[in-house]
Amino acid sequence: MQEESKPKGLIEVCRQIMLPFRSVAILLALLFAYFVTMILALVLPPRKWRRPLRQYANVYSELLGTRFRYFREGGNLDEEFFTVFLPSRIHGDDERNPASFQARARSYVYRVKRNIARKNYQTVLQRIRKKEKPIEVLLVSSGSAKWCVQSLYDALENDPRFNVKVVTILRKTHGINYQKTYDFFEQRGMNVVHGYDRNHNGILDLSIFSPDIVFLPEPWLGDIKYAPLHISQYALACYVPYSFMLFRGIDRQYRRPFHNELWKYFCPTPIHLQMAQKAAEDKGENVVVTGYPKMDFFLKKPNDKDTHPSVAPSGGQRKKRIIWAPHWTVTGNIGGNDVGTFMTYAEAFYLYCKETPEIDFILKPHPNLWHSVVKEKLLSAEELESWLARWNALPNATVMDEGNYFDLFAGSDAMILDSGSFIAEYTYTQKPMLYLCKYKDTLAETTFNDFGKKAIKHLYQAHCWEDVVRFIDDVVVQGNDPLCEQRIRFVNDVLKWTDKPACELIIDYLASQLQLDSTC
């Protein structure tokens, strides 16, 4: 058996000295490596060492901060530190590429934190398997527009093995109204509790609800209390993506610390599992394919066009209804993508809607759109409010920016969009879509991930307002829809890869992992 290579000389001596003192070993090692880095930066000629100090110092400072408390639990990984964290110069790497060191350092951090989370989850699993039923499940919501697990809530509520509740939390960065989120669930008679202390303006730790399983709503909640690693100390942290990820950047979708530290990531299709295996630090070890709970609505219920009332009842034949769904990335400065066309087409949509009363228009903006328009100073808050007032004053126009939109989908005739997830979600209805291209190459395959490349093939495209009018006249009104068969094929082959609702597959998986008896 080949012997593992270990650092030699001074490094080996330091390693042997420090290993017996495991409670402080990594802290001492970090300080030692930081000291060596500064000495090398001072001693070596600048033309050889270039400017590594800042790059290395940033990583060391981060590790010596709040995250250190995780490292001391890392067990045998503290030996690996010596081959990972010491300056690249010592190990013969290219000293002019500090990014190489940062990549190795981040990878090490991910592995340490993942191993700690996995260890915690094993402890939690053992506890849950021994406890008296029911299993306590928290479904966390940061905004009703991103609520994607209604079918899972309903299924858990009807399953005697589980006790489910919704916890509403505050995400301040995007100006979402916390009370509206809470009211959304309360008005539907759901078991909802506050996860935010409004009296003291404080975020509550989810552990106060004594959960066994926590479903998180999104990766970018910000507070450490919502980090899967923190939650792993008392519950199993799970995630169902609130939208279909179609754009490029699968590292951002599967490689963040959030994904790395989850107990399970329930993804919608086998294609998403393949992307996770390609991009994730643990090669998708914690990813499970279950389908998309958000769209269970269209698996269980027939596509009834009359489930959503007309904006302005015409008293006779039902009017055509078109959803306009603009994305929030209205400039290249935000969101990683630059696809939002709201500022380009807002006034044109208003005038067309005003001149075409025989068609209903429902504006369904991304939850972050209004915040982004004001933040990027494209419109002032007063100008935005004025435009929305004019839009809502039209008899055939309305805005739907909160809540469940499944009935809206089912009762519509077409969608005009520039967003990502709706490309897949609206396809479940098998109705036509027009994509508003901000640039000539917006729908280029390089813009999308592997799933997105398949999804965009059944879209009509618009590069100017005349294309929009042509789509409405020819496809929506006249019914000339040459891409119809292609959409149906995509739904049957890719989206509906199983006839079983996602909520049932998730519960079946939980029951098998928790060793629960099957329901009667």
Protein backbone atom coordinates (compact mmCIF):
# COMPACT_ATOMS: atom_id res chain seq x y z
CA MET A 1 0.00 0.00 0.00
CA GLN A 2 1.48 3.33 -1.05
CA GLU A 3 2.39 5.56 1.86
CA GLU A 4 0.71 8.97 1.96
CA SER A 5 3.04 11.84 1.21
CA LYS A 6 3.54 14.17 4.17
CA PRO A 7 5.30 17.50 4.55
CA LYS A 8 8.98 17.16 5.43
CA GLY A 9 11.49 19.07 7.50
CA LEU A 10 10.32 22.00 9.59
CA ILE A 11 6.72 21.50 8.57
CA GLU A 12 6.76 17.88 9.73
CA VAL A 13 8.30 18.89 13.07
CA CYS A 14 5.61 21.52 13.62
CA ARG A 15 2.94 19.02 12.68
CA GLN A 16 4.18 16.46 15.21
CA ILE A 17 4.41 19.12 17.91
CA MET A 18 0.93 20.49 17.36
CA LEU A 19 -1.14 17.35 16.73
CA PRO A 20 -1.37 16.33 20.41
CA PHE A 21 -3.00 19.68 21.15
CA ARG A 22 -6.00 19.23 18.86
CA SER A 23 -8.12 21.89 20.53
CA VAL A 24 -5.71 24.58 19.34
CA ALA A 25 -3.84 22.77 16.57
CA ILE A 26 -5.50 24.41 13.62
CA LEU A 27 -5.41 27.89 15.13
CA LEU A 28 -1.67 27.54 15.70
CA ALA A 29 -1.23 26.15 12.21
CA LEU A 30 -3.09 29.04 10.65
CA LEU A 31 -1.03 31.57 12.59
CA PHE A 32 2.16 29.76 11.61
CA ALA A 33 1.23 29.70 7.92
CA TYR A 34 0.16 33.34 8.02
CA PHE A 35 3.51 34.23 9.59
CA VAL A 36 5.42 32.27 6.92
CA THR A 37 3.48 34.01 4.17
CA MET A 38 4.35 37.47 5.48
CA ILE A 39 8.03 36.57 5.86
CA LEU A 40 8.19 35.23 2.30
CA ALA A 41 6.45 38.32 0.97
CA LEU A 42 9.04 40.52 2.66
CA VAL A 43 12.13 38.45 1.86
CA LEU A 44 11.56 37.21 -1.70
CA PRO A 45 12.11 39.64 -4.59
CA PRO A 46 8.86 41.23 -5.82
CA ARG A 47 9.54 40.06 -9.39
CA LYS A 48 9.34 36.45 -8.18
CA TRP A 49 6.67 36.67 -5.50
CA ARG A 50 4.62 39.40 -7.21
CA ARG A 51 1.75 40.52 -4.95
CA PRO A 52 0.50 37.49 -3.05
CA LEU A 53 0.24 39.02 0.41
CA ARG A 54 -3.20 40.57 0.03
CA GLN A 55 -4.69 37.51 -1.65
CA TYR A 56 -3.30 35.15 0.96
CA ALA A 57 -4.08 37.48 3.85
CA ASN A 58 -7.74 37.72 2.83
CA VAL A 59 -8.13 33.95 3.04
CA TYR A 60 -6.26 33.67 6.32
CA SER A 61 -8.25 36.50 7.88
CA GLU A 62 -11.48 34.78 6.97
CA LEU A 63 -10.35 31.48 8.43
CA LEU A 64 -9.07 33.10 11.61
CA GLY A 65 -12.46 34.76 12.09
CA THR A 66 -15.84 33.35 12.90
CA ARG A 67 -15.36 30.12 10.94
CA PHE A 68 -12.53 28.85 13.14
CA ARG A 69 -14.99 27.26 15.56
CA TYR A 70 -15.92 24.80 12.82
CA PHE A 71 -12.36 23.75 12.02
CA ARG A 72 -11.47 22.54 15.48
CA GLU A 73 -14.06 19.78 15.05
CA GLY A 74 -12.45 18.58 11.82
CA GLY A 75 -10.67 15.53 13.25
CA ASN A 76 -8.02 14.02 11.03
CA LEU A 77 -8.33 16.81 8.48
CA ASP A 78 -5.94 19.01 10.41
CA GLU A 79 -3.05 17.05 8.88
CA GLU A 80 -4.27 17.96 5.43
CA PHE A 81 -4.00 21.60 6.39
CA PHE A 82 -0.23 21.48 6.03
CA THR A 83 -0.37 20.49 2.37
CA VAL A 84 -3.20 22.86 1.55
CA PHE A 85 -2.74 26.10 3.41
CA LEU A 86 0.97 26.76 3.41
CA PRO A 87 2.00 29.20 0.67
CA SER A 88 2.22 27.79 -2.84
CA ARG A 89 5.90 28.71 -2.95
CA ILE A 90 6.72 25.96 -0.45
CA HIS A 91 5.01 23.28 -2.53
CA GLY A 92 6.51 24.33 -5.85
CA ASP A 93 3.29 25.72 -7.34
CA ASP A 94 3.29 28.78 -9.54
CA GLU A 95 4.01 31.55 -7.06
CA ARG A 96 2.53 34.08 -9.46
CA ASN A 97 -0.93 32.54 -9.17
CA PRO A 98 -2.37 33.23 -5.72
CA ALA A 99 -5.80 32.27 -7.11
CA SER A 100 -4.56 28.68 -7.20
CA PHE A 101 -3.96 28.86 -3.45
CA GLN A 102 -7.38 30.40 -2.86
CA ALA A 103 -9.10 27.65 -4.83
CA ARG A 104 -7.33 24.95 -2.82
CA ALA A 105 -8.06 26.78 0.40
CA ARG A 106 -11.78 27.14 -0.35
CA SER A 107 -11.97 23.50 -1.34
CA TYR A 108 -10.43 22.51 1.97
CA VAL A 109 -12.85 24.73 3.87
CA TYR A 110 -15.78 23.13 2.04
CA ARG A 111 -14.57 19.63 2.89
CA VAL A 112 -14.09 20.42 6.57
CA LYS A 113 -17.51 22.03 6.90
CA ARG A 114 -19.20 19.31 4.86
CA ASN A 115 -17.67 16.59 7.03
CA ILE A 116 -18.83 18.35 10.19
CA ALA A 117 -22.35 18.72 8.76
CA ARG A 118 -22.42 15.04 7.73
CA LYS A 119 -21.33 14.02 11.21
CA ASN A 120 -24.05 16.19 12.74
CA TYR A 121 -26.68 14.77 10.40
CA GLN A 122 -25.79 11.22 11.46
CA THR A 123 -26.37 12.20 15.07
CA VAL A 124 -29.69 13.87 14.20
CA LEU A 125 -30.79 10.85 12.15
CA GLN A 126 -30.14 8.50 15.06
CA ARG A 127 -32.14 10.77 17.36
CA ILE A 128 -35.10 10.99 14.97
CA ARG A 129 -35.22 7.23 14.40
CA LYS A 130 -35.56 6.69 18.16
CA LYS A 131 -38.06 9.45 18.92
CA GLU A 132 -41.78 9.17 19.36
CA LYS A 133 -43.67 10.19 16.25
CA PRO A 134 -44.70 12.49 14.63
CA ILE A 135 -41.65 13.99 12.94
CA GLU A 136 -41.54 17.80 13.21
CA VAL A 137 -41.06 19.46 9.81
CA LEU A 138 -40.49 23.19 9.23
CA LEU A 139 -41.10 24.71 5.80
CA VAL A 140 -39.36 28.08 5.83
CA SER A 141 -40.68 30.91 3.64
CA SER A 142 -38.89 34.17 2.83
CA GLY A 143 -41.69 35.40 0.53
CA SER A 144 -44.90 33.99 -0.90
CA ALA A 145 -43.72 34.51 -4.49
CA LYS A 146 -40.93 31.98 -3.87
CA TRP A 147 -43.18 29.51 -2.08
CA CYS A 148 -42.73 26.28 -4.02
CA VAL A 149 -43.73 23.48 -1.64
CA GLN A 150 -47.49 23.82 -1.23
CA SER A 151 -48.07 20.27 -2.44
CA LEU A 152 -45.45 19.03 0.03
CA TYR A 153 -47.16 20.93 2.86
CA ASP A 154 -50.53 19.41 1.94
CA ALA A 155 -49.11 15.89 1.73
CA LEU A 156 -47.26 16.20 5.05
CA GLU A 157 -50.34 17.63 6.75
CA ASN A 158 -52.34 14.57 5.68
CA ASP A 159 -49.64 12.14 6.80
CA PRO A 160 -49.94 11.13 10.49
CA ARG A 161 -46.21 10.45 10.66
CA PHE A 162 -45.42 14.15 10.32
CA ASN A 163 -46.34 17.42 11.98
CA VAL A 164 -45.72 20.32 9.60
CA LYS A 165 -45.69 24.07 10.05
CA VAL A 166 -44.62 27.07 7.96
CA VAL A 167 -42.13 29.57 9.41
CA THR A 168 -42.04 33.01 7.84
CA ILE A 169 -38.72 34.85 7.98
CA LEU A 170 -37.57 38.32 7.01
CA ARG A 171 -35.14 38.90 4.19
CA LYS A 172 -34.43 42.62 4.32
CA THR A 173 -32.24 42.96 1.26
CA HIS A 174 -35.03 42.90 -1.31
CA GLY A 175 -37.74 44.85 0.46
CA ILE A 176 -40.24 41.98 0.62
CA ASN A 177 -43.15 42.79 2.94
CA TYR A 178 -42.88 40.43 5.90
CA GLN A 179 -46.47 40.87 7.07
CA LYS A 180 -47.84 40.14 3.59
CA THR A 181 -45.87 36.90 3.58
CA TYR A 182 -47.30 35.86 6.95
CA ASP A 183 -50.84 36.87 5.94
CA PHE A 184 -50.56 34.81 2.75
CA PHE A 185 -50.34 31.61 4.78
CA GLU A 186 -52.65 32.62 7.61
CA GLN A 187 -55.46 33.52 5.23
CA ARG A 188 -55.25 30.03 3.75
CA GLY A 189 -55.72 28.44 7.14
CA MET A 190 -52.23 26.99 7.18
CA ASN A 191 -50.22 26.24 10.33
CA VAL A 192 -47.88 29.26 10.23
CA VAL A 193 -45.64 30.78 12.90
CA HIS A 194 -43.43 33.85 13.05
CA GLY A 195 -39.69 33.36 12.52
CA TYR A 196 -39.05 37.05 13.07
CA ASP A 197 -39.45 39.01 16.29
CA ARG A 198 -41.05 42.24 15.13
CA ASN A 199 -41.01 43.77 18.61
CA HIS A 200 -37.26 43.53 18.95
CA ASN A 201 -36.38 43.54 15.23
CA GLY A 202 -34.64 40.23 15.63
CA ILE A 203 -34.25 37.00 13.63
CA LEU A 204 -35.30 33.95 15.63
CA ASP A 205 -33.20 30.80 15.64
CA LEU A 206 -35.19 27.99 14.05
CA SER A 207 -34.11 25.65 16.85
CA ILE A 208 -36.74 27.22 19.14
CA PHE A 209 -39.38 25.28 17.16
CA SER A 210 -37.64 21.96 17.94
CA PRO A 211 -37.69 20.73 14.33
CA ASP A 212 -36.43 17.42 13.06
CA ILE A 213 -36.37 18.49 9.40
CA VAL A 214 -36.03 22.03 7.99
CA PHE A 215 -36.75 22.90 4.36
CA LEU A 216 -34.94 26.13 3.46
CA PRO A 217 -36.41 28.46 0.79
CA GLU A 218 -33.29 29.82 -0.96
CA PRO A 219 -29.47 29.79 -0.70
CA TRP A 220 -28.96 33.52 -0.07
CA LEU A 221 -30.72 34.23 3.21
CA GLY A 222 -27.64 35.88 4.69
CA ASP A 223 -27.97 35.14 8.40
CA ILE A 224 -25.86 32.40 10.01
CA LYS A 225 -29.00 31.08 11.73
CA TYR A 226 -30.23 29.86 8.32
CA ALA A 227 -26.94 28.24 7.28
CA PRO A 228 -27.31 24.45 6.82
CA LEU A 229 -24.16 23.91 8.89
CA HIS A 230 -25.76 25.69 11.83
CA ILE A 231 -29.07 23.86 11.36
CA SER A 232 -27.23 20.51 11.18
CA GLN A 233 -26.64 20.76 14.92
CA TYR A 234 -30.31 20.09 15.63
CA ALA A 235 -32.15 19.10 12.40
CA LEU A 236 -31.80 17.77 8.85
CA ALA A 237 -31.44 20.71 6.45
CA CYS A 238 -33.17 20.19 3.09
CA TYR A 239 -33.70 22.33 0.03
CA VAL A 240 -36.18 22.35 -2.82
CA PRO A 241 -35.13 25.01 -5.39
CA TYR A 242 -37.72 27.77 -5.66
CA SER A 243 -37.22 27.95 -9.42
CA PHE A 244 -35.79 26.03 -12.34
CA MET A 245 -32.15 27.03 -12.83
CA LEU A 246 -31.63 27.50 -16.58
CA PHE A 247 -28.86 30.07 -16.94
CA ARG A 248 -25.15 29.30 -17.04
CA GLY A 249 -23.13 29.36 -13.83
CA ILE A 250 -23.85 25.92 -12.41
CA ASP A 251 -21.12 26.52 -9.81
CA ARG A 252 -23.40 29.18 -8.33
CA GLN A 253 -26.33 26.75 -8.44
CA TYR A 254 -24.59 23.70 -6.95
CA ARG A 255 -21.21 24.66 -5.50
CA ARG A 256 -22.02 27.27 -2.87
CA PRO A 257 -21.37 26.46 0.81
CA PHE A 258 -25.15 26.33 1.20
CA HIS A 259 -25.48 23.39 -1.20
CA ASN A 260 -22.37 21.73 0.16
CA GLU A 261 -23.70 21.67 3.74
CA LEU A 262 -27.25 20.46 3.05
CA TRP A 263 -28.46 17.05 4.17
CA LYS A 264 -30.45 16.64 0.96
CA TYR A 265 -31.00 18.76 -2.14
CA PHE A 266 -34.19 17.64 -3.92
CA CYS A 267 -33.79 18.48 -7.61
CA PRO A 268 -36.43 18.38 -10.38
CA THR A 269 -34.95 16.26 -13.20
CA PRO A 270 -32.14 13.77 -13.91
CA ILE A 271 -30.46 16.52 -15.96
CA HIS A 272 -30.12 18.64 -12.80
CA LEU A 273 -28.56 15.70 -10.98
CA GLN A 274 -25.99 15.36 -13.77
CA MET A 275 -25.14 19.06 -13.47
CA ALA A 276 -24.72 18.70 -9.71
CA GLN A 277 -22.41 15.72 -10.18
CA LYS A 278 -20.35 17.83 -12.55
CA ALA A 279 -20.17 21.02 -10.46
CA ALA A 280 -20.70 20.23 -6.77
CA GLU A 281 -17.76 19.89 -4.40
CA ASP A 282 -19.08 16.49 -3.28
CA LYS A 283 -20.07 15.47 -6.84
CA GLY A 284 -23.78 15.65 -6.03
CA GLU A 285 -23.57 13.16 -3.17
CA ASN A 286 -26.48 14.83 -1.34
CA VAL A 287 -28.67 15.45 -4.42
CA VAL A 288 -31.85 13.40 -4.91
CA VAL A 289 -34.09 13.53 -8.00
CA THR A 290 -37.74 13.85 -6.97
CA GLY A 291 -39.40 16.15 -9.48
CA TYR A 292 -40.60 19.69 -8.86
CA PRO A 293 -43.25 20.09 -6.09
CA LYS A 294 -44.22 23.50 -7.39
CA MET A 295 -45.63 21.93 -10.53
CA ASP A 296 -47.47 19.03 -8.88
CA PHE A 297 -50.52 21.21 -9.51
CA PHE A 298 -50.37 20.33 -13.20
CA LEU A 299 -49.86 16.64 -12.54
CA LYS A 300 -52.87 16.33 -10.26
CA LYS A 301 -55.34 18.76 -11.82
CA PRO A 302 -56.56 18.96 -15.43
CA ASN A 303 -55.59 22.08 -17.35
CA ASP A 304 -58.82 24.02 -16.90
CA LYS A 305 -58.71 27.37 -18.69
CA ASP A 306 -61.56 28.78 -16.60
CA THR A 307 -59.87 28.40 -13.19
CA HIS A 308 -58.64 32.01 -13.26
CA PRO A 309 -61.27 34.71 -13.77
CA SER A 310 -60.94 37.31 -16.48
CA VAL A 311 -59.43 40.60 -15.36
CA ALA A 312 -62.47 42.39 -16.78
CA PRO A 313 -65.40 40.00 -17.31
CA SER A 314 -66.70 40.62 -20.81
CA GLY A 315 -70.10 39.06 -20.23
CA GLY A 316 -69.73 36.96 -23.36
CA GLN A 317 -66.94 34.90 -24.84
CA ARG A 318 -63.89 34.65 -22.58
CA LYS A 319 -61.17 37.10 -23.54
CA LYS A 320 -57.61 36.09 -24.37
CA ARG A 321 -55.30 36.41 -21.36
CA ILE A 322 -51.58 37.06 -21.67
CA ILE A 323 -49.08 36.99 -18.80
CA TRP A 324 -46.19 39.45 -19.00
CA ALA A 325 -43.36 38.25 -16.72
CA PRO A 326 -40.32 40.60 -16.62
CA HIS A 327 -37.12 39.57 -14.83
CA TRP A 328 -35.33 41.62 -12.18
CA THR A 329 -31.84 41.82 -13.77
CA VAL A 330 -32.54 45.17 -15.41
CA THR A 331 -28.84 46.11 -15.62
CA GLY A 332 -25.59 44.17 -15.90
CA ASN A 333 -24.66 45.22 -12.35
CA ILE A 334 -26.96 42.77 -10.59
CA GLY A 335 -27.91 39.12 -10.50
CA GLY A 336 -25.08 37.76 -12.63
CA ASN A 337 -27.25 37.98 -15.78
CA ASP A 338 -28.43 40.94 -17.83
CA VAL A 339 -31.71 39.81 -19.35
CA GLY A 340 -34.38 42.10 -17.87
CA THR A 341 -36.27 44.17 -20.48
CA PHE A 342 -38.86 45.92 -18.30
CA MET A 343 -37.48 49.40 -18.99
CA THR A 344 -37.36 48.68 -22.73
CA TYR A 345 -40.96 47.54 -23.11
CA ALA A 346 -42.91 48.98 -20.15
CA GLU A 347 -44.44 51.93 -21.97
CA ALA A 348 -45.09 49.89 -25.14
CA PHE A 349 -47.00 47.28 -23.14
CA TYR A 350 -49.04 49.99 -21.43
CA LEU A 351 -50.04 51.65 -24.72
CA TYR A 352 -50.84 48.34 -26.43
CA CYS A 353 -52.94 47.19 -23.48
CA LYS A 354 -54.79 50.52 -23.54
CA GLU A 355 -55.51 50.20 -27.26
CA THR A 356 -56.48 46.48 -27.13
CA PRO A 357 -59.28 46.10 -24.56
CA GLU A 358 -60.29 42.71 -25.98
CA ILE A 359 -57.15 41.12 -24.46
CA ASP A 360 -56.40 40.86 -20.73
CA PHE A 361 -52.82 41.46 -19.57
CA ILE A 362 -51.56 40.22 -16.21
CA LEU A 363 -48.19 41.66 -15.16
CA LYS A 364 -46.33 39.00 -13.13
CA PRO A 365 -42.98 40.58 -12.17
CA HIS A 366 -40.08 38.82 -10.54
CA PRO A 367 -40.28 39.43 -6.75
CA ASN A 368 -37.13 41.57 -6.86
CA LEU A 369 -37.99 43.68 -9.92
CA TRP A 370 -39.44 46.79 -8.27
CA HIS A 371 -36.62 46.88 -5.75
CA SER A 372 -34.02 46.60 -8.54
CA VAL A 373 -35.58 49.29 -10.74
CA VAL A 374 -35.42 51.80 -7.89
CA LYS A 375 -32.03 50.66 -6.57
CA GLU A 376 -30.42 50.97 -10.01
CA LYS A 377 -32.01 54.44 -10.33
CA LEU A 378 -33.83 53.59 -13.53
CA LEU A 379 -36.98 55.02 -11.96
CA SER A 380 -37.56 56.82 -8.70
CA ALA A 381 -40.00 55.27 -6.24
CA GLU A 382 -42.52 57.96 -7.18
CA GLU A 383 -42.13 57.34 -10.92
CA LEU A 384 -42.56 53.60 -10.45
CA GLU A 385 -45.66 54.10 -8.32
CA SER A 386 -47.10 56.43 -10.97
CA TRP A 387 -46.52 53.91 -13.77
CA LEU A 388 -48.10 51.09 -11.76
CA ALA A 389 -51.10 53.30 -10.99
CA ARG A 390 -51.59 53.97 -14.72
CA TRP A 391 -51.30 50.26 -15.50
CA ASN A 392 -53.78 49.23 -12.81
CA ALA A 393 -56.22 51.92 -13.96
CA LEU A 394 -56.72 50.10 -17.26
CA PRO A 395 -59.83 47.87 -17.23
CA ASN A 396 -57.98 44.93 -18.81
CA ALA A 397 -54.71 45.12 -16.86
CA THR A 398 -53.61 44.04 -13.42
CA VAL A 399 -50.48 43.19 -11.42
CA MET A 400 -49.93 39.92 -9.59
CA ASP A 401 -46.72 40.14 -7.58
CA GLU A 402 -47.52 37.90 -4.62
CA GLY A 403 -48.76 34.43 -3.94
CA ASN A 404 -49.75 31.29 -5.80
CA TYR A 405 -49.84 31.70 -9.58
CA PHE A 406 -50.85 28.20 -10.68
CA ASP A 407 -54.47 29.15 -11.37
CA LEU A 408 -53.16 32.15 -13.28
CA PHE A 409 -51.06 29.86 -15.46
CA ALA A 410 -53.93 27.46 -16.04
CA GLY A 411 -56.35 30.25 -16.97
CA SER A 412 -54.03 32.09 -19.36
CA ASP A 413 -53.45 31.68 -23.10
CA ALA A 414 -49.80 32.68 -23.46
CA MET A 415 -46.81 34.19 -21.68
CA ILE A 416 -44.38 36.93 -22.72
CA LEU A 417 -41.25 36.82 -20.58
CA ASP A 418 -37.55 37.45 -20.15
CA SER A 419 -37.15 35.46 -16.94
CA GLY A 420 -35.55 32.06 -16.48
CA SER A 421 -37.58 29.67 -14.36
CA PHE A 422 -40.90 30.43 -16.04
CA ILE A 423 -39.46 29.04 -19.28
CA ALA A 424 -39.76 25.60 -17.71
CA GLU A 425 -42.65 26.20 -15.31
CA TYR A 426 -45.06 27.64 -17.87
CA THR A 427 -44.20 24.84 -20.30
CA TYR A 428 -46.17 22.50 -18.02
CA THR A 429 -49.31 24.21 -19.40
CA GLN A 430 -48.15 23.38 -22.96
CA LYS A 431 -49.11 26.93 -24.05
CA PRO A 432 -46.99 29.27 -26.22
CA MET A 433 -44.28 31.57 -24.88
CA LEU A 434 -42.50 34.56 -26.37
CA TYR A 435 -39.04 35.40 -25.02
CA LEU A 436 -38.00 39.07 -25.05
CA CYS A 437 -34.34 39.08 -26.09
CA LYS A 438 -32.43 42.02 -24.66
CA TYR A 439 -29.47 41.34 -26.95
CA LYS A 440 -29.03 39.42 -30.17
CA ASP A 441 -27.29 36.56 -28.37
CA THR A 442 -29.54 36.47 -25.29
CA LEU A 443 -30.83 33.02 -26.20
CA ALA A 444 -27.44 31.72 -27.32
CA GLU A 445 -26.70 28.29 -25.91
CA THR A 446 -23.70 29.69 -24.06
CA THR A 447 -26.14 31.69 -21.92
CA PHE A 448 -27.76 28.55 -20.49
CA ASN A 449 -26.88 25.41 -18.59
CA ASP A 450 -27.56 21.89 -19.90
CA PHE A 451 -31.22 21.98 -18.88
CA GLY A 452 -31.75 25.49 -20.23
CA LYS A 453 -30.36 24.53 -23.64
CA LYS A 454 -33.16 21.99 -24.00
CA ALA A 455 -35.84 24.29 -22.60
CA ILE A 456 -35.27 27.26 -24.94
CA LYS A 457 -35.82 25.28 -28.12
CA HIS A 458 -39.61 25.64 -27.92
CA LEU A 459 -39.65 29.43 -27.40
CA TYR A 460 -40.72 32.09 -29.86
CA GLN A 461 -38.31 35.05 -29.85
CA ALA A 462 -38.77 38.82 -29.96
CA HIS A 463 -36.01 41.31 -30.71
CA CYS A 464 -38.27 44.35 -31.09
CA TRP A 465 -41.82 45.46 -30.32
CA GLU A 466 -43.04 44.47 -33.80
CA ASP A 467 -42.13 40.85 -32.95
CA VAL A 468 -44.30 41.06 -29.84
CA VAL A 469 -47.32 42.32 -31.79
CA ARG A 470 -46.81 39.63 -34.43
CA PHE A 471 -46.74 36.91 -31.75
CA ILE A 472 -49.98 38.16 -30.19
CA ASP A 473 -51.78 38.43 -33.54
CA ASP A 474 -50.56 35.21 -35.16
CA VAL A 475 -49.97 32.75 -32.33
CA VAL A 476 -52.28 33.86 -29.51
CA VAL A 477 -55.27 35.25 -31.41
CA GLN A 478 -55.13 33.26 -34.66
CA GLY A 479 -53.78 30.06 -33.07
CA ASN A 480 -50.94 29.51 -35.56
CA ASP A 481 -48.58 27.66 -33.20
CA PRO A 482 -45.87 25.64 -35.07
CA LEU A 483 -43.87 24.97 -31.86
CA CYS A 484 -46.77 23.27 -30.09
CA GLU A 485 -45.62 19.69 -30.70
CA GLN A 486 -42.08 20.54 -29.61
CA ARG A 487 -43.37 21.88 -26.28
CA ILE A 488 -45.47 18.80 -25.65
CA ARG A 489 -42.50 16.56 -26.40
CA PHE A 490 -40.30 18.51 -23.93
CA VAL A 491 -42.95 18.20 -21.21
CA ASN A 492 -43.38 14.45 -21.68
CA ASP A 493 -39.70 13.58 -22.15
CA VAL A 494 -37.99 15.95 -19.71
CA LEU A 495 -40.39 17.48 -17.18
CA LYS A 496 -42.79 14.62 -16.57
CA TRP A 497 -40.12 11.93 -16.26
CA THR A 498 -42.33 10.32 -13.61
CA ASP A 499 -46.11 10.19 -13.17
CA LYS A 500 -45.80 10.34 -9.39
CA PRO A 501 -46.05 13.82 -7.79
CA ALA A 502 -42.79 15.20 -6.40
CA CYS A 503 -44.30 15.65 -2.94
CA GLU A 504 -44.96 11.91 -2.70
CA LEU A 505 -41.44 11.04 -3.86
CA ILE A 506 -39.94 13.39 -1.25
CA ILE A 507 -42.05 11.92 1.56
CA ASP A 508 -41.22 8.38 0.44
CA TYR A 509 -37.52 9.26 0.55
CA LEU A 510 -37.80 10.84 4.01
CA ALA A 511 -39.69 7.83 5.31
CA SER A 512 -37.05 5.43 4.01
CA GLN A 513 -34.18 7.44 5.51
CA LEU A 514 -35.93 7.91 8.86
CA GLN A 515 -37.03 4.26 8.90
CA LEU A 516 -40.70 5.14 9.32
CA ASP A 517 -43.50 2.65 9.01
CA SER A 518 -45.65 3.09 5.92
CA THR A 519 -49.02 4.79 6.33
CA CYS A 520 -52.19 2.76 6.23
